[in-house]
Amino acid sequence: MDTMNVALPESMKSFVQEQVTEGGYSSVSEYIRELIRADQKRKAEERIDALLLEGLDSGEPIPVTPEYWAAKKQKLAERLDKAIRPR
C-alpha cells in the first residue's frame, strides 16, 4: 500500500482526530479510507441514477414481464455463446 501525505489546517486536523476517537477508528488512515469508500459509493450511485434516467427517457415504455426477461436472458446467452465460440 502506498503512502500519501496531506496538509491540513489545524482545525481540520483536530476534527479528523475527534472523528477517529469518537468513531472507533483504529487510525486516521482507516477514517480517511472510509471517507473515500463512501465517496466512491456515492459517485457510483449517482452514475446508476443517471443511467436509469437516461433509460427512462430513451423511448416509448414497454411492459416488462417474466416472458420479457426470459427472452432477454435467451438473447444474452446466445450473444455470449457467439462471443465465446466464434463461428
N, C-alpha and C. Protein backbone atom coordinates (compact mmCIF):
# COMPACT_ATOMS: atom_id res chain seq x y z
N MET A 1 0.85 -1.17 0.00
CA MET A 1 0.00 0.00 0.00
C MET A 1 0.89 1.23 0.00
N ASP A 2 0.57 2.20 -0.83
CA ASP A 2 1.34 3.44 -0.91
C ASP A 2 0.91 4.41 0.17
N THR A 3 1.79 5.33 0.47
CA THR A 3 1.53 6.37 1.46
C THR A 3 1.28 7.69 0.75
N MET A 4 0.37 8.48 1.31
CA MET A 4 0.06 9.79 0.76
C MET A 4 0.03 10.78 1.92
N ASN A 5 0.74 11.87 1.79
CA ASN A 5 0.74 12.90 2.83
C ASN A 5 -0.23 14.00 2.43
N VAL A 6 -0.99 14.48 3.39
CA VAL A 6 -1.98 15.53 3.14
C VAL A 6 -1.77 16.64 4.17
N ALA A 7 -1.69 17.87 3.69
CA ALA A 7 -1.55 19.01 4.59
C ALA A 7 -2.95 19.52 4.95
N LEU A 8 -3.20 19.67 6.25
CA LEU A 8 -4.49 20.15 6.74
C LEU A 8 -4.28 21.31 7.70
N PRO A 9 -5.20 22.28 7.68
CA PRO A 9 -5.15 23.31 8.71
C PRO A 9 -5.42 22.67 10.08
N GLU A 10 -4.99 23.29 11.12
CA GLU A 10 -5.12 22.73 12.47
C GLU A 10 -6.56 22.37 12.80
N SER A 11 -7.52 23.21 12.40
CA SER A 11 -8.92 22.93 12.72
C SER A 11 -9.40 21.63 12.08
N MET A 12 -8.98 21.37 10.85
CA MET A 12 -9.37 20.13 10.18
C MET A 12 -8.65 18.93 10.80
N LYS A 13 -7.39 19.11 11.15
CA LYS A 13 -6.64 18.03 11.79
C LYS A 13 -7.31 17.64 13.10
N SER A 14 -7.72 18.63 13.87
CA SER A 14 -8.41 18.35 15.14
C SER A 14 -9.73 17.63 14.89
N PHE A 15 -10.46 18.06 13.88
CA PHE A 15 -11.73 17.42 13.54
C PHE A 15 -11.51 15.95 13.20
N VAL A 16 -10.50 15.67 12.37
CA VAL A 16 -10.21 14.30 11.97
C VAL A 16 -9.86 13.47 13.20
N GLN A 17 -9.02 13.99 14.06
CA GLN A 17 -8.63 13.26 15.27
C GLN A 17 -9.85 12.94 16.14
N GLU A 18 -10.77 13.90 16.25
CA GLU A 18 -12.00 13.67 17.01
C GLU A 18 -12.83 12.56 16.39
N GLN A 19 -12.94 12.57 15.06
CA GLN A 19 -13.73 11.55 14.37
C GLN A 19 -13.12 10.17 14.57
N VAL A 20 -11.81 10.09 14.54
CA VAL A 20 -11.12 8.82 14.75
C VAL A 20 -11.44 8.30 16.15
N THR A 21 -11.33 9.18 17.13
CA THR A 21 -11.57 8.77 18.52
C THR A 21 -13.02 8.41 18.76
N GLU A 22 -13.92 9.28 18.33
CA GLU A 22 -15.35 9.08 18.58
C GLU A 22 -15.94 7.98 17.72
N GLY A 23 -15.39 7.79 16.52
CA GLY A 23 -15.95 6.81 15.59
C GLY A 23 -15.39 5.41 15.76
N GLY A 24 -14.45 5.26 16.67
CA GLY A 24 -13.89 3.93 16.90
C GLY A 24 -12.95 3.46 15.82
N TYR A 25 -12.40 4.38 15.06
CA TYR A 25 -11.43 4.01 14.03
C TYR A 25 -10.09 3.72 14.69
N SER A 26 -9.32 2.82 14.11
CA SER A 26 -8.02 2.47 14.70
C SER A 26 -6.94 3.47 14.32
N SER A 27 -7.19 4.24 13.24
CA SER A 27 -6.18 5.21 12.80
C SER A 27 -6.82 6.26 11.91
N VAL A 28 -6.07 7.32 11.67
CA VAL A 28 -6.51 8.35 10.74
C VAL A 28 -6.66 7.74 9.35
N SER A 29 -5.74 6.87 8.99
CA SER A 29 -5.79 6.23 7.67
C SER A 29 -7.09 5.46 7.48
N GLU A 30 -7.50 4.73 8.51
CA GLU A 30 -8.75 3.97 8.41
C GLU A 30 -9.93 4.92 8.20
N TYR A 31 -9.95 6.03 8.92
CA TYR A 31 -11.02 7.02 8.78
C TYR A 31 -11.04 7.60 7.36
N ILE A 32 -9.88 7.96 6.84
CA ILE A 32 -9.79 8.55 5.50
C ILE A 32 -10.21 7.52 4.45
N ARG A 33 -9.77 6.27 4.60
CA ARG A 33 -10.19 5.23 3.65
C ARG A 33 -11.71 5.08 3.65
N GLU A 34 -12.33 5.13 4.83
CA GLU A 34 -13.79 5.03 4.92
C GLU A 34 -14.47 6.19 4.21
N LEU A 35 -13.92 7.40 4.36
CA LEU A 35 -14.48 8.56 3.64
C LEU A 35 -14.37 8.37 2.13
N ILE A 36 -13.25 7.86 1.68
CA ILE A 36 -13.05 7.65 0.24
C ILE A 36 -13.99 6.58 -0.28
N ARG A 37 -14.14 5.48 0.47
CA ARG A 37 -15.09 4.44 0.06
C ARG A 37 -16.51 4.98 -0.05
N ALA A 38 -16.90 5.81 0.93
CA ALA A 38 -18.25 6.39 0.90
C ALA A 38 -18.41 7.30 -0.31
N ASP A 39 -17.38 8.06 -0.66
CA ASP A 39 -17.45 8.92 -1.83
C ASP A 39 -17.52 8.10 -3.12
N GLN A 40 -16.74 7.02 -3.19
CA GLN A 40 -16.80 6.14 -4.36
C GLN A 40 -18.19 5.55 -4.52
N LYS A 41 -18.78 5.12 -3.41
CA LYS A 41 -20.13 4.54 -3.46
C LYS A 41 -21.15 5.59 -3.91
N ARG A 42 -21.03 6.81 -3.39
CA ARG A 42 -21.95 7.88 -3.76
C ARG A 42 -21.85 8.17 -5.25
N LYS A 43 -20.63 8.24 -5.77
CA LYS A 43 -20.45 8.52 -7.20
C LYS A 43 -21.00 7.39 -8.07
N ALA A 44 -20.83 6.15 -7.63
CA ALA A 44 -21.38 5.02 -8.37
C ALA A 44 -22.90 5.08 -8.39
N GLU A 45 -23.50 5.43 -7.24
CA GLU A 45 -24.96 5.55 -7.17
C GLU A 45 -25.46 6.69 -8.05
N GLU A 46 -24.72 7.80 -8.10
CA GLU A 46 -25.10 8.90 -8.99
C GLU A 46 -25.06 8.46 -10.44
N ARG A 47 -24.06 7.67 -10.79
CA ARG A 47 -23.94 7.17 -12.17
C ARG A 47 -25.10 6.24 -12.51
N ILE A 48 -25.45 5.36 -11.59
CA ILE A 48 -26.59 4.47 -11.80
C ILE A 48 -27.87 5.27 -11.97
N ASP A 49 -28.07 6.28 -11.12
CA ASP A 49 -29.26 7.12 -11.24
C ASP A 49 -29.31 7.81 -12.60
N ALA A 50 -28.16 8.32 -13.05
CA ALA A 50 -28.12 8.99 -14.36
C ALA A 50 -28.46 8.01 -15.48
N LEU A 51 -27.92 6.80 -15.40
CA LEU A 51 -28.22 5.79 -16.43
C LEU A 51 -29.69 5.39 -16.41
N LEU A 52 -30.25 5.26 -15.21
CA LEU A 52 -31.68 4.93 -15.12
C LEU A 52 -32.54 6.02 -15.74
N LEU A 53 -32.21 7.27 -15.45
CA LEU A 53 -32.96 8.39 -16.04
C LEU A 53 -32.79 8.40 -17.56
N GLU A 54 -31.59 8.13 -18.02
CA GLU A 54 -31.35 8.06 -19.46
C GLU A 54 -32.20 6.97 -20.09
N GLY A 55 -32.28 5.84 -19.42
CA GLY A 55 -33.10 4.74 -19.92
C GLY A 55 -34.57 5.11 -19.96
N LEU A 56 -35.04 5.78 -18.91
CA LEU A 56 -36.44 6.19 -18.86
C LEU A 56 -36.79 7.18 -19.98
N ASP A 57 -35.81 7.99 -20.36
CA ASP A 57 -36.04 9.00 -21.39
C ASP A 57 -35.70 8.51 -22.79
N SER A 58 -35.37 7.22 -22.94
CA SER A 58 -34.84 6.73 -24.21
C SER A 58 -35.90 6.33 -25.23
N GLY A 59 -37.14 6.32 -24.86
CA GLY A 59 -38.15 5.94 -25.84
C GLY A 59 -39.46 5.54 -25.19
N GLU A 60 -40.29 4.95 -25.99
CA GLU A 60 -41.58 4.51 -25.50
C GLU A 60 -41.41 3.37 -24.49
N PRO A 61 -42.18 3.42 -23.42
CA PRO A 61 -42.07 2.35 -22.43
C PRO A 61 -42.61 1.03 -22.98
N ILE A 62 -42.05 -0.06 -22.47
CA ILE A 62 -42.52 -1.38 -22.85
C ILE A 62 -42.88 -2.14 -21.58
N PRO A 63 -43.82 -3.06 -21.65
CA PRO A 63 -44.13 -3.86 -20.47
C PRO A 63 -43.00 -4.86 -20.21
N VAL A 64 -42.58 -4.92 -18.98
CA VAL A 64 -41.51 -5.85 -18.60
C VAL A 64 -42.15 -6.95 -17.76
N THR A 65 -42.28 -8.09 -18.40
CA THR A 65 -42.96 -9.24 -17.81
C THR A 65 -41.94 -10.36 -17.61
N PRO A 66 -42.32 -11.43 -16.94
CA PRO A 66 -41.42 -12.59 -16.84
C PRO A 66 -41.03 -13.13 -18.23
N GLU A 67 -41.96 -13.07 -19.18
CA GLU A 67 -41.66 -13.52 -20.54
C GLU A 67 -40.60 -12.62 -21.20
N TYR A 68 -40.70 -11.31 -20.95
CA TYR A 68 -39.72 -10.37 -21.48
C TYR A 68 -38.33 -10.74 -20.97
N TRP A 69 -38.22 -10.98 -19.64
CA TRP A 69 -36.93 -11.31 -19.05
C TRP A 69 -36.40 -12.63 -19.58
N ALA A 70 -37.26 -13.61 -19.77
CA ALA A 70 -36.83 -14.90 -20.31
C ALA A 70 -36.25 -14.73 -21.71
N ALA A 71 -36.93 -13.95 -22.54
CA ALA A 71 -36.45 -13.71 -23.90
C ALA A 71 -35.14 -12.92 -23.87
N LYS A 72 -35.04 -11.96 -22.98
CA LYS A 72 -33.83 -11.15 -22.86
C LYS A 72 -32.65 -12.02 -22.44
N LYS A 73 -32.87 -12.88 -21.46
CA LYS A 73 -31.81 -13.78 -21.00
C LYS A 73 -31.38 -14.72 -22.12
N GLN A 74 -32.32 -15.20 -22.90
CA GLN A 74 -32.01 -16.10 -24.01
C GLN A 74 -31.14 -15.38 -25.04
N LYS A 75 -31.50 -14.15 -25.40
CA LYS A 75 -30.72 -13.38 -26.37
C LYS A 75 -29.31 -13.11 -25.85
N LEU A 76 -29.21 -12.78 -24.57
CA LEU A 76 -27.89 -12.52 -23.99
C LEU A 76 -27.05 -13.79 -23.94
N ALA A 77 -27.68 -14.92 -23.64
CA ALA A 77 -26.95 -16.19 -23.62
C ALA A 77 -26.44 -16.54 -25.01
N GLU A 78 -27.26 -16.31 -26.01
CA GLU A 78 -26.84 -16.57 -27.39
C GLU A 78 -25.68 -15.65 -27.79
N ARG A 79 -25.78 -14.41 -27.39
CA ARG A 79 -24.72 -13.43 -27.69
C ARG A 79 -23.41 -13.83 -27.01
N LEU A 80 -23.51 -14.26 -25.77
CA LEU A 80 -22.33 -14.70 -25.03
C LEU A 80 -21.74 -15.94 -25.68
N ASP A 81 -22.60 -16.86 -26.08
CA ASP A 81 -22.14 -18.09 -26.73
C ASP A 81 -21.37 -17.76 -28.01
N LYS A 82 -21.86 -16.82 -28.79
CA LYS A 82 -21.17 -16.42 -30.02
C LYS A 82 -19.84 -15.76 -29.71
N ALA A 83 -19.79 -14.97 -28.64
CA ALA A 83 -18.55 -14.30 -28.27
C ALA A 83 -17.49 -15.29 -27.80
N ILE A 84 -17.94 -16.33 -27.12
CA ILE A 84 -17.01 -17.34 -26.59
C ILE A 84 -16.54 -18.27 -27.71
N ARG A 85 -17.50 -18.66 -28.55
CA ARG A 85 -17.18 -19.61 -29.64
C ARG A 85 -17.52 -18.98 -30.98
N PRO A 86 -16.62 -18.13 -31.50
CA PRO A 86 -16.94 -17.52 -32.81
C PRO A 86 -17.01 -18.59 -33.90
N ARG A 87 -17.88 -18.37 -34.83
CA ARG A 87 -18.09 -19.35 -35.90
C ARG A 87 -17.29 -18.99 -37.11
